[in-house]
Amino acid sequence: MTPDPLTLTPLTLDPLPWPPADAGFAGLLVLMAALFALYTYRFAPGVMARRAAPDDEGGAQAIFRSRLIGAVLLGVVPATLALLGPQIELGLGLPSPGRAALGCAVILALALPGVIGASRQADFTAHYPPIRSARWPPRRVALNGATWTIYLVGYELFFRGVLLFGLAARMDPWLAIALTTAIYVLAHLPKPGKETAGTVPMGIVFAAVTLWSGSIWAAVLGHVIIANTSDLLAARRLMREPGALREPGPLAGVETAPADGTANTR
């Protein structure tokens, strides 16, 4: 019996509805993209460092300022507008401390072995820590940890707060995780291949833990520990081997902690 030829149904293009059904959230997403681009090309660590005084302290202060600006542009502004406009759940509460603690433990169990292993590689200090110095007095260590924490709260508000919770409230949660991870990966495309590849599984883990715990704090704490562990391991090596300091400063782009321990830049 001869099968019937394949029949193609003509594509009908209905006019786009106006105004959009969820105009507030759509507008917020466009604004978030603009803020992300503004930070990347105007205030990212590499950009700020190039405008700083060409000395040890000048570079450190530029990176500290970059993180504070990033926390405002990526976190405070979108979160404030989300609360005032589309009324998005941001995950700032802690409805299940047990789930948050377990989720953070999973993140660290997956990431820290990679960070420690990468710290033993010869090229680890080519880009770590972002503050290109073999001098790490207690004050610098404290400021580095504090600004990392402030920045990563804003960073997680951007990706796992406004974006993830906003999408999950409007579609299947797993589709929201997939879309958030895809955007997270795209944000890392200028980075080396190992780091970009690592953002795929870790992006899924960060997002799944956030939705499962109903809170961004597991992702925040995990990210802070990963970032500071990476910097401290690299700084300790630079203090022991000052000759390992080869790069003049961090690369331009949004500053991120290594997602899987295989990255060699931020």
Protein backbone atom coordinates (compact mmCIF):
# COMPACT_ATOMS: atom_id res chain seq x y z
CA MET A 1 0.00 0.00 0.00
CA THR A 2 1.42 3.35 -1.04
CA PRO A 3 1.54 5.82 1.86
CA ASP A 4 -0.10 9.18 1.43
CA PRO A 5 2.30 11.98 0.63
CA LEU A 6 3.26 14.18 3.52
CA THR A 7 0.88 17.07 3.80
CA LEU A 8 2.26 20.31 5.19
CA THR A 9 -0.13 22.52 7.06
CA PRO A 10 0.32 26.17 6.06
CA LEU A 11 1.77 28.27 8.85
CA THR A 12 -0.62 30.93 10.05
CA LEU A 13 0.85 33.99 11.70
CA ASP A 14 -1.55 35.62 14.10
CA PRO A 15 -0.83 39.23 14.98
CA LEU A 16 1.11 39.67 18.21
CA PRO A 17 -1.18 40.72 21.06
CA TRP A 18 -0.63 44.22 22.36
CA PRO A 19 -0.11 45.07 25.11
CA PRO A 20 1.66 41.85 26.20
CA ALA A 21 -0.23 39.76 28.73
CA ASP A 22 2.69 40.02 31.16
CA ALA A 23 4.13 43.35 30.13
CA GLY A 24 5.68 44.05 33.52
CA PHE A 25 7.81 40.91 33.56
CA ALA A 26 8.72 41.25 29.88
CA GLY A 27 9.89 44.80 30.47
CA LEU A 28 11.87 43.72 33.52
CA LEU A 29 13.69 41.05 31.48
CA VAL A 30 14.66 43.63 28.85
CA LEU A 31 15.91 45.98 31.57
CA MET A 32 17.91 43.17 33.19
CA ALA A 33 19.60 42.45 29.86
CA ALA A 34 20.51 46.14 29.57
CA LEU A 35 21.89 46.24 33.12
CA PHE A 36 23.92 43.09 32.50
CA ALA A 37 25.43 44.64 29.36
CA LEU A 38 26.12 47.91 31.19
CA TYR A 39 27.99 46.13 33.94
CA THR A 40 29.89 43.88 31.54
CA TYR A 41 31.17 46.65 29.29
CA ARG A 42 31.47 49.55 31.73
CA PHE A 43 32.02 48.32 35.28
CA ALA A 44 33.36 44.74 35.12
CA PRO A 45 36.64 44.02 36.98
CA GLY A 46 38.85 44.08 33.90
CA VAL A 47 37.38 47.38 32.72
CA MET A 48 37.67 49.00 36.14
CA ALA A 49 41.20 47.69 36.66
CA ARG A 50 42.39 49.27 33.41
CA ARG A 51 41.21 52.67 34.64
CA ALA A 52 42.76 52.28 38.10
CA ALA A 53 46.12 53.42 39.37
CA PRO A 54 48.77 51.05 37.96
CA ASP A 55 49.86 49.69 41.29
CA ASP A 56 49.03 46.85 43.64
CA GLU A 57 46.50 48.71 45.79
CA GLY A 58 44.88 50.53 42.88
CA GLY A 59 44.01 47.28 41.15
CA ALA A 60 42.57 45.77 44.32
CA GLN A 61 40.38 48.79 45.03
CA ALA A 62 39.11 48.80 41.45
CA ILE A 63 37.97 45.20 41.77
CA PHE A 64 36.31 45.90 45.12
CA ARG A 65 34.41 48.85 43.57
CA SER A 66 33.44 46.71 40.58
CA ARG A 67 31.86 44.11 42.85
CA LEU A 68 29.86 46.71 44.79
CA ILE A 69 28.59 48.29 41.57
CA GLY A 70 27.72 44.83 40.24
CA ALA A 71 25.71 44.03 43.35
CA VAL A 72 23.62 47.16 42.76
CA LEU A 73 23.16 46.83 38.98
CA LEU A 74 22.59 43.08 38.90
CA GLY A 75 20.86 42.58 42.23
CA VAL A 76 19.41 45.62 43.96
CA VAL A 77 17.89 47.33 40.91
CA PRO A 78 16.17 44.27 39.35
CA ALA A 79 15.00 42.97 42.74
CA THR A 80 13.53 46.33 43.74
CA LEU A 81 11.70 46.69 40.43
CA ALA A 82 10.45 43.09 40.71
CA LEU A 83 8.98 43.80 44.14
CA LEU A 84 7.39 47.06 43.00
CA GLY A 85 6.14 45.79 39.64
CA PRO A 86 5.43 42.17 38.63
CA GLN A 87 5.49 40.98 42.27
CA ILE A 88 8.00 38.18 41.74
CA GLU A 89 8.99 35.83 44.53
CA LEU A 90 12.72 36.41 44.96
CA GLY A 91 13.61 33.56 47.30
CA LEU A 92 14.86 35.89 50.03
CA GLY A 93 13.16 33.90 52.75
CA LEU A 94 14.25 30.57 54.18
CA PRO A 95 11.12 28.38 54.19
CA SER A 96 13.11 25.14 54.60
CA PRO A 97 16.47 25.56 56.36
CA GLY A 98 17.09 21.83 56.16
CA ARG A 99 16.68 21.74 52.39
CA ALA A 100 18.83 24.85 52.01
CA ALA A 101 21.61 23.31 54.11
CA LEU A 102 21.45 20.02 52.21
CA GLY A 103 21.38 21.84 48.87
CA CYS A 104 24.42 23.90 49.81
CA ALA A 105 26.24 20.73 50.85
CA VAL A 106 25.48 19.18 47.45
CA ILE A 107 26.80 22.26 45.64
CA LEU A 108 30.03 22.25 47.65
CA ALA A 109 30.49 18.49 47.32
CA LEU A 110 30.34 18.84 43.55
CA ALA A 111 32.42 22.01 43.22
CA LEU A 112 35.11 22.09 45.89
CA PRO A 113 37.01 18.95 44.83
CA GLY A 114 37.37 20.50 41.38
CA VAL A 115 38.54 23.81 42.83
CA ILE A 116 41.15 22.09 45.01
CA GLY A 117 42.31 19.92 42.14
CA ALA A 118 42.58 22.88 39.78
CA SER A 119 44.60 24.82 42.35
CA ARG A 120 47.39 22.26 41.95
CA GLN A 121 47.65 22.87 38.21
CA ALA A 122 50.51 24.99 36.90
CA ASP A 123 48.26 27.54 35.18
CA PHE A 124 45.89 28.11 38.12
CA THR A 125 47.55 31.39 39.12
CA ALA A 126 47.57 32.69 35.56
CA HIS A 127 44.23 34.34 36.32
CA TYR A 128 43.47 33.57 39.96
CA PRO A 129 42.95 35.48 42.12
CA PRO A 130 41.47 38.46 40.23
CA ILE A 131 43.55 40.76 42.45
CA ARG A 132 46.90 40.31 40.83
CA SER A 133 49.19 40.53 43.81
CA ALA A 134 51.45 38.36 45.94
CA ARG A 135 50.65 40.59 48.93
CA TRP A 136 47.62 39.41 50.94
CA PRO A 137 47.56 41.08 54.36
CA PRO A 138 44.55 40.35 56.61
CA ARG A 139 42.77 43.57 55.60
CA ARG A 140 42.87 42.61 51.92
CA VAL A 141 41.67 39.09 52.65
CA ALA A 142 38.75 40.50 54.65
CA LEU A 143 37.80 43.07 51.99
CA ASN A 144 38.07 40.44 49.27
CA GLY A 145 35.73 38.10 51.16
CA ALA A 146 33.27 40.86 52.04
CA THR A 147 33.01 42.27 48.51
CA TRP A 148 32.71 38.76 47.05
CA THR A 149 29.80 38.11 49.41
CA ILE A 150 28.02 41.37 48.54
CA TYR A 151 28.55 40.86 44.82
CA LEU A 152 27.37 37.25 44.83
CA VAL A 153 24.18 38.11 46.71
CA GLY A 154 23.37 40.48 43.84
CA TYR A 155 24.53 37.95 41.26
CA GLU A 156 22.30 35.21 42.65
CA LEU A 157 19.40 37.64 42.93
CA PHE A 158 19.80 38.25 39.22
CA PHE A 159 20.03 34.65 38.01
CA ARG A 160 18.39 32.50 40.67
CA GLY A 161 16.12 35.17 42.18
CA VAL A 162 14.37 37.43 39.69
CA LEU A 163 15.06 35.35 36.57
CA LEU A 164 14.55 31.80 37.87
CA PHE A 165 11.63 32.42 40.23
CA GLY A 166 10.02 34.76 37.70
CA LEU A 167 10.17 32.13 34.95
CA ALA A 168 9.18 29.24 37.23
CA ALA A 169 5.99 31.08 38.20
CA ARG A 170 5.03 31.29 34.52
CA MET A 171 6.04 27.91 33.09
CA ASP A 172 7.09 24.38 33.97
CA PRO A 173 9.84 24.62 36.62
CA TRP A 174 12.20 22.36 34.66
CA LEU A 175 11.80 24.55 31.59
CA ALA A 176 12.58 27.55 33.80
CA ILE A 177 15.72 25.75 35.03
CA ALA A 178 16.73 24.98 31.42
CA LEU A 179 16.22 28.57 30.25
CA THR A 180 18.01 30.05 33.24
CA THR A 181 20.92 27.67 32.73
CA ALA A 182 21.09 28.53 29.03
CA ILE A 183 21.30 32.25 29.84
CA TYR A 184 23.86 31.50 32.57
CA VAL A 185 26.00 29.61 30.03
CA LEU A 186 25.67 32.37 27.44
CA ALA A 187 26.94 34.87 30.01
CA HIS A 188 30.09 32.73 30.31
CA LEU A 189 30.82 32.29 26.59
CA PRO A 190 33.71 34.81 26.64
CA LYS A 191 35.36 32.65 29.30
CA PRO A 192 37.66 29.69 28.62
CA GLY A 193 36.04 26.49 27.42
CA LYS A 194 36.42 24.56 30.67
CA GLU A 195 34.63 27.24 32.67
CA THR A 196 31.83 27.57 30.14
CA ALA A 197 31.37 23.79 30.07
CA GLY A 198 31.25 23.69 33.87
CA THR A 199 28.41 26.19 33.99
CA VAL A 200 26.08 23.70 32.30
CA PRO A 201 25.86 21.09 35.08
CA MET A 202 26.44 23.57 37.89
CA GLY A 203 23.85 25.96 36.48
CA ILE A 204 21.30 23.16 36.63
CA VAL A 205 22.35 22.22 40.17
CA PHE A 206 22.24 25.82 41.44
CA ALA A 207 18.79 26.36 39.92
CA ALA A 208 17.34 23.03 41.08
CA VAL A 209 18.59 23.55 44.63
CA THR A 210 17.12 27.06 44.65
CA LEU A 211 13.65 25.95 43.59
CA TRP A 212 13.74 22.84 45.81
CA SER A 213 14.65 24.89 48.88
CA GLY A 214 12.49 27.88 47.92
CA SER A 215 15.42 30.19 48.64
CA ILE A 216 18.49 31.69 46.96
CA TRP A 217 20.61 31.38 50.12
CA ALA A 218 21.98 27.89 49.45
CA ALA A 219 23.26 29.11 46.07
CA VAL A 220 24.61 32.31 47.62
CA LEU A 221 26.50 30.53 50.40
CA GLY A 222 27.82 27.87 48.05
CA HIS A 223 29.01 30.49 45.57
CA VAL A 224 30.68 32.58 48.29
CA ILE A 225 32.56 29.59 49.67
CA ILE A 226 33.69 28.49 46.20
CA ALA A 227 34.87 31.99 45.27
CA ASN A 228 36.79 32.60 48.47
CA THR A 229 38.30 29.12 48.50
CA SER A 230 39.57 29.65 44.97
CA ASP A 231 41.06 33.05 45.79
CA LEU A 232 42.68 31.91 49.04
CA LEU A 233 44.27 28.87 47.41
CA ALA A 234 45.66 31.01 44.60
CA ALA A 235 46.80 33.78 46.96
CA ARG A 236 48.61 31.30 49.18
CA ARG A 237 50.43 29.95 46.16
CA LEU A 238 51.36 33.44 44.97
CA MET A 239 52.75 34.32 48.38
CA ARG A 240 54.93 31.22 48.23
CA GLU A 241 55.78 31.58 44.53
CA PRO A 242 55.66 35.29 43.52
CA GLY A 243 57.05 34.31 40.13
CA ALA A 244 53.77 32.55 39.33
CA LEU A 245 52.11 35.96 38.96
CA ARG A 246 51.98 36.31 35.19
CA GLU A 247 48.85 38.24 34.22
CA PRO A 248 48.41 42.00 34.80
CA GLY A 249 44.75 41.82 35.73
CA PRO A 250 41.39 40.06 35.40
CA LEU A 251 39.76 39.71 32.05
CA ALA A 252 36.86 41.99 31.23
CA GLY A 253 33.43 40.50 31.74
CA VAL A 254 31.02 39.72 34.51
CA GLU A 255 32.95 38.37 37.46
CA THR A 256 31.98 34.86 38.44
CA ALA A 257 33.30 32.30 40.83
CA PRO A 258 34.51 29.09 39.21
CA ALA A 259 31.48 26.87 38.85
CA ASP A 260 33.22 23.53 38.77
CA GLY A 261 36.81 24.13 39.75
CA THR A 262 38.09 23.70 36.20
CA ALA A 263 37.99 27.36 35.28
CA ASN A 264 41.09 29.44 34.96
CA THR A 265 39.56 32.88 34.73
CA ARG A 266 36.55 34.84 35.90
